[in-house]
Amino acid sequence: MQPIPEWILALDEEDLKFAKNFILASGSLKEIATLYGVTYPTVRLRLDRLIQKIGLSESAETDSYIMLVKRLAINEKIDYDTAKLLISEYRKEKKQ
């Protein structure tokens, strides 16, 4: 039996539920929007965030601080510009 891929383990329960519903809806964002009672752009944004989370877990980045900052940005705990600034300053400090 194959182990569960890391990208699946990185998703929370709500992400997994959304992915399941997306698959069951044959990838129809319109159907998902109706199911969740939200607009199409809201569903598109949710899907984009899910794609980012999966991409982040698949990335070759091994620095735990940078991974943390990226996760915080994807989960909207900090804004994108702040995440970029934190990573940039951190990399500068590491080079010195």
PDB file of N, CA and C in Angstrom:
ATOM      1  N   MET A   1       0.842  -1.179   0.000  1.00  0.00           N
ATOM      2  CA  MET A   1       0.000   0.000   0.000  1.00  0.00           C
ATOM      3  C   MET A   1       0.889   1.245   0.000  1.00  0.00           C
ATOM      4  N   GLN A   2       0.558   2.222  -0.824  1.00  0.00           N
ATOM      5  CA  GLN A   2       1.325   3.459  -0.954  1.00  0.00           C
ATOM      6  C   GLN A   2       1.058   4.372   0.246  1.00  0.00           C
ATOM      7  N   PRO A   3       2.102   5.037   0.750  1.00  0.00           N
ATOM      8  CA  PRO A   3       1.863   6.017   1.825  1.00  0.00           C
ATOM      9  C   PRO A   3       1.096   7.224   1.282  1.00  0.00           C
ATOM     10  N   ILE A   4       0.449   7.927   2.178  1.00  0.00           N
ATOM     11  CA  ILE A   4      -0.308   9.119   1.781  1.00  0.00           C
ATOM     12  C   ILE A   4       0.688  10.205   1.378  1.00  0.00           C
ATOM     13  N   PRO A   5       0.503  10.812   0.199  1.00  0.00           N
ATOM     14  CA  PRO A   5       1.441  11.849  -0.255  1.00  0.00           C
ATOM     15  C   PRO A   5       1.484  13.044   0.705  1.00  0.00           C
ATOM     16  N   GLU A   6       2.652  13.664   0.796  1.00  0.00           N
ATOM     17  CA  GLU A   6       2.847  14.816   1.683  1.00  0.00           C
ATOM     18  C   GLU A   6       1.869  15.946   1.372  1.00  0.00           C
ATOM     19  N   TRP A   7       1.571  16.174   0.099  1.00  0.00           N
ATOM     20  CA  TRP A   7       0.695  17.298  -0.251  1.00  0.00           C
ATOM     21  C   TRP A   7      -0.702  17.094   0.312  1.00  0.00           C
ATOM     22  N   ILE A   8      -1.150  15.862   0.437  1.00  0.00           N
ATOM     23  CA  ILE A   8      -2.465  15.609   1.030  1.00  0.00           C
ATOM     24  C   ILE A   8      -2.406  15.839   2.539  1.00  0.00           C
ATOM     25  N   LEU A   9      -1.327  15.407   3.157  1.00  0.00           N
ATOM     26  CA  LEU A   9      -1.174  15.589   4.599  1.00  0.00           C
ATOM     27  C   LEU A   9      -1.081  17.063   4.983  1.00  0.00           C
ATOM     28  N   ALA A  10      -0.664  17.917   4.045  1.00  0.00           N
ATOM     29  CA  ALA A  10      -0.521  19.347   4.323  1.00  0.00           C
ATOM     30  C   ALA A  10      -1.865  20.079   4.312  1.00  0.00           C
ATOM     31  N   LEU A  11      -2.914  19.419   3.830  1.00  0.00           N
ATOM     32  CA  LEU A  11      -4.223  20.065   3.735  1.00  0.00           C
ATOM     33  C   LEU A  11      -5.024  19.854   5.008  1.00  0.00           C
ATOM     34  N   ASP A  12      -5.781  20.889   5.394  1.00  0.00           N
ATOM     35  CA  ASP A  12      -6.642  20.733   6.563  1.00  0.00           C
ATOM     36  C   ASP A  12      -7.961  20.082   6.144  1.00  0.00           C
ATOM     37  N   GLU A  13      -8.811  19.817   7.114  1.00  0.00           N
ATOM     38  CA  GLU A  13     -10.069  19.107   6.858  1.00  0.00           C
ATOM     39  C   GLU A  13     -10.954  19.848   5.851  1.00  0.00           C
ATOM     40  N   GLU A  14     -11.050  21.167   5.978  1.00  0.00           N
ATOM     41  CA  GLU A  14     -11.868  21.955   5.056  1.00  0.00           C
ATOM     42  C   GLU A  14     -11.330  21.898   3.627  1.00  0.00           C
ATOM     43  N   ASP A  15     -10.002  21.922   3.471  1.00  0.00           N
ATOM     44  CA  ASP A  15      -9.396  21.817   2.144  1.00  0.00           C
ATOM     45  C   ASP A  15      -9.725  20.469   1.514  1.00  0.00           C
ATOM     46  N   LEU A  16      -9.628  19.416   2.300  1.00  0.00           N
ATOM     47  CA  LEU A  16      -9.936  18.072   1.788  1.00  0.00           C
ATOM     48  C   LEU A  16     -11.405  17.953   1.391  1.00  0.00           C
ATOM     49  N   LYS A  17     -12.271  18.532   2.202  1.00  0.00           N
ATOM     50  CA  LYS A  17     -13.705  18.511   1.887  1.00  0.00           C
ATOM     51  C   LYS A  17     -13.973  19.277   0.597  1.00  0.00           C
ATOM     52  N   PHE A  18     -13.345  20.440   0.453  1.00  0.00           N
ATOM     53  CA  PHE A  18     -13.509  21.231  -0.767  1.00  0.00           C
ATOM     54  C   PHE A  18     -13.010  20.436  -1.980  1.00  0.00           C
ATOM     55  N   ALA A  19     -11.836  19.816  -1.855  1.00  0.00           N
ATOM     56  CA  ALA A  19     -11.275  19.029  -2.965  1.00  0.00           C
ATOM     57  C   ALA A  19     -12.210  17.879  -3.334  1.00  0.00           C
ATOM     58  N   LYS A  20     -12.748  17.211  -2.336  1.00  0.00           N
ATOM     59  CA  LYS A  20     -13.683  16.110  -2.591  1.00  0.00           C
ATOM     60  C   LYS A  20     -14.922  16.618  -3.334  1.00  0.00           C
ATOM     61  N   ASN A  21     -15.499  17.718  -2.851  1.00  0.00           N
ATOM     62  CA  ASN A  21     -16.678  18.286  -3.506  1.00  0.00           C
ATOM     63  C   ASN A  21     -16.364  18.733  -4.927  1.00  0.00           C
ATOM     64  N   PHE A  22     -15.183  19.291  -5.119  1.00  0.00           N
ATOM     65  CA  PHE A  22     -14.752  19.736  -6.451  1.00  0.00           C
ATOM     66  C   PHE A  22     -14.677  18.538  -7.411  1.00  0.00           C
ATOM     67  N   ILE A  23     -14.115  17.446  -6.933  1.00  0.00           N
ATOM     68  CA  ILE A  23     -14.017  16.236  -7.767  1.00  0.00           C
ATOM     69  C   ILE A  23     -15.403  15.676  -8.058  1.00  0.00           C
ATOM     70  N   LEU A  24     -16.242  15.599  -7.028  1.00  0.00           N
ATOM     71  CA  LEU A  24     -17.594  15.077  -7.215  1.00  0.00           C
ATOM     72  C   LEU A  24     -18.423  15.948  -8.159  1.00  0.00           C
ATOM     73  N   ALA A  25     -18.085  17.231  -8.232  1.00  0.00           N
ATOM     74  CA  ALA A  25     -18.783  18.147  -9.144  1.00  0.00           C
ATOM     75  C   ALA A  25     -18.122  18.169 -10.520  1.00  0.00           C
ATOM     76  N   SER A  26     -17.227  17.222 -10.751  1.00  0.00           N
ATOM     77  CA  SER A  26     -16.507  17.124 -12.034  1.00  0.00           C
ATOM     78  C   SER A  26     -15.762  18.399 -12.374  1.00  0.00           C
ATOM     79  N   GLY A  27     -15.296  19.101 -11.358  1.00  0.00           N
ATOM     80  CA  GLY A  27     -14.510  20.306 -11.579  1.00  0.00           C
ATOM     81  C   GLY A  27     -15.327  21.534 -11.955  1.00  0.00           C
ATOM     82  N   SER A  28     -16.624  21.472 -11.755  1.00  0.00           N
ATOM     83  CA  SER A  28     -17.482  22.608 -12.104  1.00  0.00           C
ATOM     84  C   SER A  28     -17.472  23.648 -10.978  1.00  0.00           C
ATOM     85  N   LEU A  29     -16.810  24.772 -11.241  1.00  0.00           N
ATOM     86  CA  LEU A  29     -16.774  25.835 -10.235  1.00  0.00           C
ATOM     87  C   LEU A  29     -18.164  26.423 -10.011  1.00  0.00           C
ATOM     88  N   LYS A  30     -18.961  26.452 -11.057  1.00  0.00           N
ATOM     89  CA  LYS A  30     -20.324  26.973 -10.944  1.00  0.00           C
ATOM     90  C   LYS A  30     -21.142  26.094  -9.993  1.00  0.00           C
ATOM     91  N   GLU A  31     -20.993  24.788 -10.125  1.00  0.00           N
ATOM     92  CA  GLU A  31     -21.707  23.864  -9.240  1.00  0.00           C
ATOM     93  C   GLU A  31     -21.220  23.987  -7.799  1.00  0.00           C
ATOM     94  N   ILE A  32     -19.926  24.157  -7.617  1.00  0.00           N
ATOM     95  CA  ILE A  32     -19.362  24.328  -6.276  1.00  0.00           C
ATOM     96  C   ILE A  32     -19.867  25.632  -5.660  1.00  0.00           C
ATOM     97  N   ALA A  33     -19.940  26.690  -6.461  1.00  0.00           N
ATOM     98  CA  ALA A  33     -20.452  27.970  -5.964  1.00  0.00           C
ATOM     99  C   ALA A  33     -21.881  27.812  -5.458  1.00  0.00           C
ATOM    100  N   THR A  34     -22.687  27.080  -6.205  1.00  0.00           N
ATOM    101  CA  THR A  34     -24.069  26.833  -5.793  1.00  0.00           C
ATOM    102  C   THR A  34     -24.108  26.009  -4.511  1.00  0.00           C
ATOM    103  N   LEU A  35     -23.278  24.970  -4.439  1.00  0.00           N
ATOM    104  CA  LEU A  35     -23.226  24.104  -3.270  1.00  0.00           C
ATOM    105  C   LEU A  35     -22.871  24.871  -2.000  1.00  0.00           C
ATOM    106  N   TYR A  36     -21.885  25.764  -2.105  1.00  0.00           N
ATOM    107  CA  TYR A  36     -21.427  26.533  -0.946  1.00  0.00           C
ATOM    108  C   TYR A  36     -22.214  27.836  -0.744  1.00  0.00           C
ATOM    109  N   GLY A  37     -23.043  28.189  -1.707  1.00  0.00           N
ATOM    110  CA  GLY A  37     -23.832  29.412  -1.583  1.00  0.00           C
ATOM    111  C   GLY A  37     -22.995  30.678  -1.677  1.00  0.00           C
ATOM    112  N   VAL A  38     -21.976  30.626  -2.533  1.00  0.00           N
ATOM    113  CA  VAL A  38     -21.090  31.771  -2.729  1.00  0.00           C
ATOM    114  C   VAL A  38     -20.980  32.063  -4.227  1.00  0.00           C
ATOM    115  N   THR A  39     -20.260  33.143  -4.550  1.00  0.00           N
ATOM    116  CA  THR A  39     -20.103  33.507  -5.951  1.00  0.00           C
ATOM    117  C   THR A  39     -18.987  32.702  -6.614  1.00  0.00           C
ATOM    118  N   TYR A  40     -19.029  32.680  -7.926  1.00  0.00           N
ATOM    119  CA  TYR A  40     -17.985  32.002  -8.697  1.00  0.00           C
ATOM    120  C   TYR A  40     -16.595  32.537  -8.362  1.00  0.00           C
ATOM    121  N   PRO A  41     -16.397  33.887  -8.307  1.00  0.00           N
ATOM    122  CA  PRO A  41     -15.056  34.385  -7.963  1.00  0.00           C
ATOM    123  C   PRO A  41     -14.565  33.922  -6.588  1.00  0.00           C
ATOM    124  N   THR A  42     -15.477  33.762  -5.642  1.00  0.00           N
ATOM    125  CA  THR A  42     -15.102  33.279  -4.317  1.00  0.00           C
ATOM    126  C   THR A  42     -14.586  31.844  -4.400  1.00  0.00           C
ATOM    127  N   VAL A  43     -15.265  31.024  -5.185  1.00  0.00           N
ATOM    128  CA  VAL A  43     -14.833  29.638  -5.364  1.00  0.00           C
ATOM    129  C   VAL A  43     -13.491  29.595  -6.089  1.00  0.00           C
ATOM    130  N   ARG A  44     -13.336  30.454  -7.089  1.00  0.00           N
ATOM    131  CA  ARG A  44     -12.074  30.503  -7.841  1.00  0.00           C
ATOM    132  C   ARG A  44     -10.920  30.873  -6.910  1.00  0.00           C
ATOM    133  N   LEU A  45     -11.154  31.834  -6.026  1.00  0.00           N
ATOM    134  CA  LEU A  45     -10.131  32.240  -5.066  1.00  0.00           C
ATOM    135  C   LEU A  45      -9.790  31.084  -4.122  1.00  0.00           C
ATOM    136  N   ARG A  46     -10.794  30.382  -3.658  1.00  0.00           N
ATOM    137  CA  ARG A  46     -10.574  29.221  -2.771  1.00  0.00           C
ATOM    138  C   ARG A  46      -9.759  28.147  -3.481  1.00  0.00           C
ATOM    139  N   LEU A  47     -10.097  27.888  -4.737  1.00  0.00           N
ATOM    140  CA  LEU A  47      -9.359  26.898  -5.514  1.00  0.00           C
ATOM    141  C   LEU A  47      -7.917  27.345  -5.738  1.00  0.00           C
ATOM    142  N   ASP A  48      -7.731  28.618  -6.024  1.00  0.00           N
ATOM    143  CA  ASP A  48      -6.372  29.145  -6.210  1.00  0.00           C
ATOM    144  C   ASP A  48      -5.536  28.967  -4.948  1.00  0.00           C
ATOM    145  N   ARG A  49      -6.120  29.214  -3.790  1.00  0.00           N
ATOM    146  CA  ARG A  49      -5.403  29.032  -2.519  1.00  0.00           C
ATOM    147  C   ARG A  49      -5.056  27.564  -2.285  1.00  0.00           C
ATOM    148  N   LEU A  50      -5.988  26.697  -2.640  1.00  0.00           N
ATOM    149  CA  LEU A  50      -5.736  25.264  -2.498  1.00  0.00           C
ATOM    150  C   LEU A  50      -4.588  24.841  -3.415  1.00  0.00           C
ATOM    151  N   ILE A  51      -4.567  25.350  -4.617  1.00  0.00           N
ATOM    152  CA  ILE A  51      -3.478  25.067  -5.557  1.00  0.00           C
ATOM    153  C   ILE A  51      -2.154  25.567  -4.992  1.00  0.00           C
ATOM    154  N   GLN A  52      -2.167  26.756  -4.394  1.00  0.00           N
ATOM    155  CA  GLN A  52      -0.947  27.303  -3.786  1.00  0.00           C
ATOM    156  C   GLN A  52      -0.458  26.425  -2.636  1.00  0.00           C
ATOM    157  N   LYS A  53      -1.376  25.959  -1.807  1.00  0.00           N
ATOM    158  CA  LYS A  53      -0.998  25.093  -0.687  1.00  0.00           C
ATOM    159  C   LYS A  53      -0.345  23.810  -1.193  1.00  0.00           C
ATOM    160  N   ILE A  54      -0.938  23.223  -2.215  1.00  0.00           N
ATOM    161  CA  ILE A  54      -0.382  21.990  -2.772  1.00  0.00           C
ATOM    162  C   ILE A  54       0.982  22.275  -3.387  1.00  0.00           C
ATOM    163  N   GLY A  55       1.085  23.373  -4.122  1.00  0.00           N
ATOM    164  CA  GLY A  55       2.365  23.745  -4.726  1.00  0.00           C
ATOM    165  C   GLY A  55       3.430  23.982  -3.684  1.00  0.00           C
ATOM    166  N   LEU A  56       3.054  24.621  -2.591  1.00  0.00           N
ATOM    167  CA  LEU A  56       4.002  24.890  -1.512  1.00  0.00           C
ATOM    168  C   LEU A  56       4.514  23.596  -0.887  1.00  0.00           C
ATOM    169  N   SER A  57       3.622  22.654  -0.684  1.00  0.00           N
ATOM    170  CA  SER A  57       4.035  21.390  -0.087  1.00  0.00           C
ATOM    171  C   SER A  57       4.891  20.570  -1.049  1.00  0.00           C
ATOM    172  N   GLU A  58       4.776  20.839  -2.336  1.00  0.00           N
ATOM    173  CA  GLU A  58       5.569  20.130  -3.347  1.00  0.00           C
ATOM    174  C   GLU A  58       6.854  20.866  -3.694  1.00  0.00           C
ATOM    175  N   SER A  59       7.015  22.078  -3.177  1.00  0.00           N
ATOM    176  CA  SER A  59       8.184  22.877  -3.550  1.00  0.00           C
ATOM    177  C   SER A  59       9.467  22.294  -2.982  1.00  0.00           C
ATOM    178  N   ALA A  60      10.561  22.683  -3.594  1.00  0.00           N
ATOM    179  CA  ALA A  60      11.875  22.191  -3.170  1.00  0.00           C
ATOM    180  C   ALA A  60      12.426  23.004  -1.997  1.00  0.00           C
ATOM    181  N   GLU A  61      11.706  24.018  -1.570  1.00  0.00           N
ATOM    182  CA  GLU A  61      12.149  24.868  -0.466  1.00  0.00           C
ATOM    183  C   GLU A  61      12.268  24.026   0.803  1.00  0.00           C
ATOM    184  N   THR A  62      13.420  24.095   1.436  1.00  0.00           N
ATOM    185  CA  THR A  62      13.631  23.307   2.649  1.00  0.00           C
ATOM    186  C   THR A  62      13.768  24.170   3.895  1.00  0.00           C
ATOM    187  N   ASP A  63      13.858  25.473   3.716  1.00  0.00           N
ATOM    188  CA  ASP A  63      14.017  26.360   4.859  1.00  0.00           C
ATOM    189  C   ASP A  63      12.680  26.476   5.589  1.00  0.00           C
ATOM    190  N   SER A  64      12.652  26.047   6.832  1.00  0.00           N
ATOM    191  CA  SER A  64      11.398  26.004   7.579  1.00  0.00           C
ATOM    192  C   SER A  64      10.804  27.395   7.819  1.00  0.00           C
ATOM    193  N   TYR A  65      11.659  28.413   7.998  1.00  0.00           N
ATOM    194  CA  TYR A  65      11.148  29.772   8.207  1.00  0.00           C
ATOM    195  C   TYR A  65      10.422  30.271   6.953  1.00  0.00           C
ATOM    196  N   ILE A  66      11.031  30.084   5.808  1.00  0.00           N
ATOM    197  CA  ILE A  66      10.424  30.536   4.553  1.00  0.00           C
ATOM    198  C   ILE A  66       9.124  29.783   4.294  1.00  0.00           C
ATOM    199  N   MET A  67       9.110  28.489   4.568  1.00  0.00           N
ATOM    200  CA  MET A  67       7.887  27.701   4.397  1.00  0.00           C
ATOM    201  C   MET A  67       6.785  28.219   5.319  1.00  0.00           C
ATOM    202  N   LEU A  68       7.146  28.564   6.555  1.00  0.00           N
ATOM    203  CA  LEU A  68       6.168  29.092   7.505  1.00  0.00           C
ATOM    204  C   LEU A  68       5.577  30.402   6.996  1.00  0.00           C
ATOM    205  N   VAL A  69       6.424  31.317   6.551  1.00  0.00           N
ATOM    206  CA  VAL A  69       5.943  32.615   6.057  1.00  0.00           C
ATOM    207  C   VAL A  69       5.020  32.414   4.851  1.00  0.00           C
ATOM    208  N   LYS A  70       5.402  31.523   3.956  1.00  0.00           N
ATOM    209  CA  LYS A  70       4.556  31.260   2.779  1.00  0.00           C
ATOM    210  C   LYS A  70       3.210  30.672   3.189  1.00  0.00           C
ATOM    211  N   ARG A  71       3.218  29.738   4.142  1.00  0.00           N
ATOM    212  CA  ARG A  71       1.962  29.160   4.624  1.00  0.00           C
ATOM    213  C   ARG A  71       1.072  30.222   5.259  1.00  0.00           C
ATOM    214  N   LEU A  72       1.686  31.112   6.047  1.00  0.00           N
ATOM    215  CA  LEU A  72       0.911  32.188   6.676  1.00  0.00           C
ATOM    216  C   LEU A  72       0.262  33.085   5.619  1.00  0.00           C
ATOM    217  N   ALA A  73       0.987  33.375   4.558  1.00  0.00           N
ATOM    218  CA  ALA A  73       0.440  34.214   3.487  1.00  0.00           C
ATOM    219  C   ALA A  73      -0.691  33.496   2.751  1.00  0.00           C
ATOM    220  N   ILE A  74      -0.486  32.237   2.437  1.00  0.00           N
ATOM    221  CA  ILE A  74      -1.527  31.471   1.738  1.00  0.00           C
ATOM    222  C   ILE A  74      -2.787  31.367   2.584  1.00  0.00           C
ATOM    223  N   ASN A  75      -2.611  31.197   3.887  1.00  0.00           N
ATOM    224  CA  ASN A  75      -3.761  31.085   4.794  1.00  0.00           C
ATOM    225  C   ASN A  75      -4.299  32.439   5.245  1.00  0.00           C
ATOM    226  N   GLU A  76      -3.790  33.511   4.629  1.00  0.00           N
ATOM    227  CA  GLU A  76      -4.218  34.884   4.896  1.00  0.00           C
ATOM    228  C   GLU A  76      -4.032  35.310   6.348  1.00  0.00           C
ATOM    229  N   LYS A  77      -3.015  34.773   6.994  1.00  0.00           N
ATOM    230  CA  LYS A  77      -2.672  35.219   8.345  1.00  0.00           C
ATOM    231  C   LYS A  77      -1.806  36.471   8.274  1.00  0.00           C
ATOM    232  N   ILE A  78      -1.058  36.598   7.166  1.00  0.00           N
ATOM    233  CA  ILE A  78      -0.310  37.822   6.852  1.00  0.00           C
ATOM    234  C   ILE A  78      -0.532  38.122   5.375  1.00  0.00           C
ATOM    235  N   ASP A  79      -0.372  39.384   4.996  1.00  0.00           N
ATOM    236  CA  ASP A  79      -0.596  39.721   3.592  1.00  0.00           C
ATOM    237  C   ASP A  79       0.634  39.373   2.744  1.00  0.00           C
ATOM    238  N   TYR A  80       0.418  39.295   1.457  1.00  0.00           N
ATOM    239  CA  TYR A  80       1.444  38.879   0.504  1.00  0.00           C
ATOM    240  C   TYR A  80       2.669  39.785   0.553  1.00  0.00           C
ATOM    241  N   ASP A  81       2.466  41.097   0.593  1.00  0.00           N
ATOM    242  CA  ASP A  81       3.596  42.038   0.616  1.00  0.00           C
ATOM    243  C   ASP A  81       4.446  41.866   1.880  1.00  0.00           C
ATOM    244  N   THR A  82       3.794  41.629   3.008  1.00  0.00           N
ATOM    245  CA  THR A  82       4.531  41.395   4.248  1.00  0.00           C
ATOM    246  C   THR A  82       5.337  40.113   4.151  1.00  0.00           C
ATOM    247  N   ALA A  83       4.751  39.080   3.577  1.00  0.00           N
ATOM    248  CA  ALA A  83       5.465  37.809   3.407  1.00  0.00           C
ATOM    249  C   ALA A  83       6.701  38.000   2.536  1.00  0.00           C
ATOM    250  N   LYS A  84       6.553  38.722   1.434  1.00  0.00           N
ATOM    251  CA  LYS A  84       7.699  38.982   0.555  1.00  0.00           C
ATOM    252  C   LYS A  84       8.797  39.727   1.292  1.00  0.00           C
ATOM    253  N   LEU A  85       8.407  40.732   2.075  1.00  0.00           N
ATOM    254  CA  LEU A  85       9.371  41.526   2.828  1.00  0.00           C
ATOM    255  C   LEU A  85      10.103  40.661   3.870  1.00  0.00           C
ATOM    256  N   LEU A  86       9.362  39.862   4.604  1.00  0.00           N
ATOM    257  CA  LEU A  86       9.970  38.997   5.618  1.00  0.00           C
ATOM    258  C   LEU A  86      10.965  38.012   4.996  1.00  0.00           C
ATOM    259  N   ILE A  87      10.580  37.415   3.888  1.00  0.00           N
ATOM    260  CA  ILE A  87      11.465  36.450   3.218  1.00  0.00           C
ATOM    261  C   ILE A  87      12.689  37.147   2.665  1.00  0.00           C
ATOM    262  N   SER A  88      12.496  38.310   2.072  1.00  0.00           N
ATOM    263  CA  SER A  88      13.615  39.068   1.502  1.00  0.00           C
ATOM    264  C   SER A  88      14.623  39.452   2.585  1.00  0.00           C
ATOM    265  N   GLU A  89      14.142  39.986   3.688  1.00  0.00           N
ATOM    266  CA  GLU A  89      15.020  40.394   4.786  1.00  0.00           C
ATOM    267  C   GLU A  89      15.708  39.175   5.414  1.00  0.00           C
ATOM    268  N   TYR A  90      14.983  38.100   5.543  1.00  0.00           N
ATOM    269  CA  TYR A  90      15.562  36.884   6.099  1.00  0.00           C
ATOM    270  C   TYR A  90      16.707  36.371   5.218  1.00  0.00           C
ATOM    271  N   ARG A  91      16.483  36.373   3.908  1.00  0.00           N
ATOM    272  CA  ARG A  91      17.537  35.919   2.996  1.00  0.00           C
ATOM    273  C   ARG A  91      18.752  36.833   3.038  1.00  0.00           C
ATOM    274  N   LYS A  92      18.533  38.149   3.187  1.00  0.00           N
ATOM    275  CA  LYS A  92      19.648  39.085   3.308  1.00  0.00           C
ATOM    276  C   LYS A  92      20.471  38.761   4.560  1.00  0.00           C
ATOM    277  N   GLU A  93      19.784  38.530   5.659  1.00  0.00           N
ATOM    278  CA  GLU A  93      20.451  38.225   6.927  1.00  0.00           C
ATOM    279  C   GLU A  93      21.242  36.920   6.840  1.00  0.00           C
ATOM    280  N   LYS A  94      20.702  35.955   6.155  1.00  0.00           N
ATOM    281  CA  LYS A  94      21.381  34.668   6.035  1.00  0.00           C
ATOM    282  C   LYS A  94      22.665  34.776   5.208  1.00  0.00           C
ATOM    283  N   LYS A  95      22.659  35.686   4.221  1.00  0.00           N
ATOM    284  CA  LYS A  95      23.840  35.867   3.369  1.00  0.00           C
ATOM    285  C   LYS A  95      24.982  36.550   4.112  1.00  0.00           C
ATOM    286  N   GLN A  96      24.649  37.313   5.125  1.00  0.00           N
ATOM    287  CA  GLN A  96      25.678  38.060   5.858  1.00  0.00           C
ATOM    288  C   GLN A  96      26.392  37.234   6.868  1.00  0.00           C
TER     289      GLN A  96
END
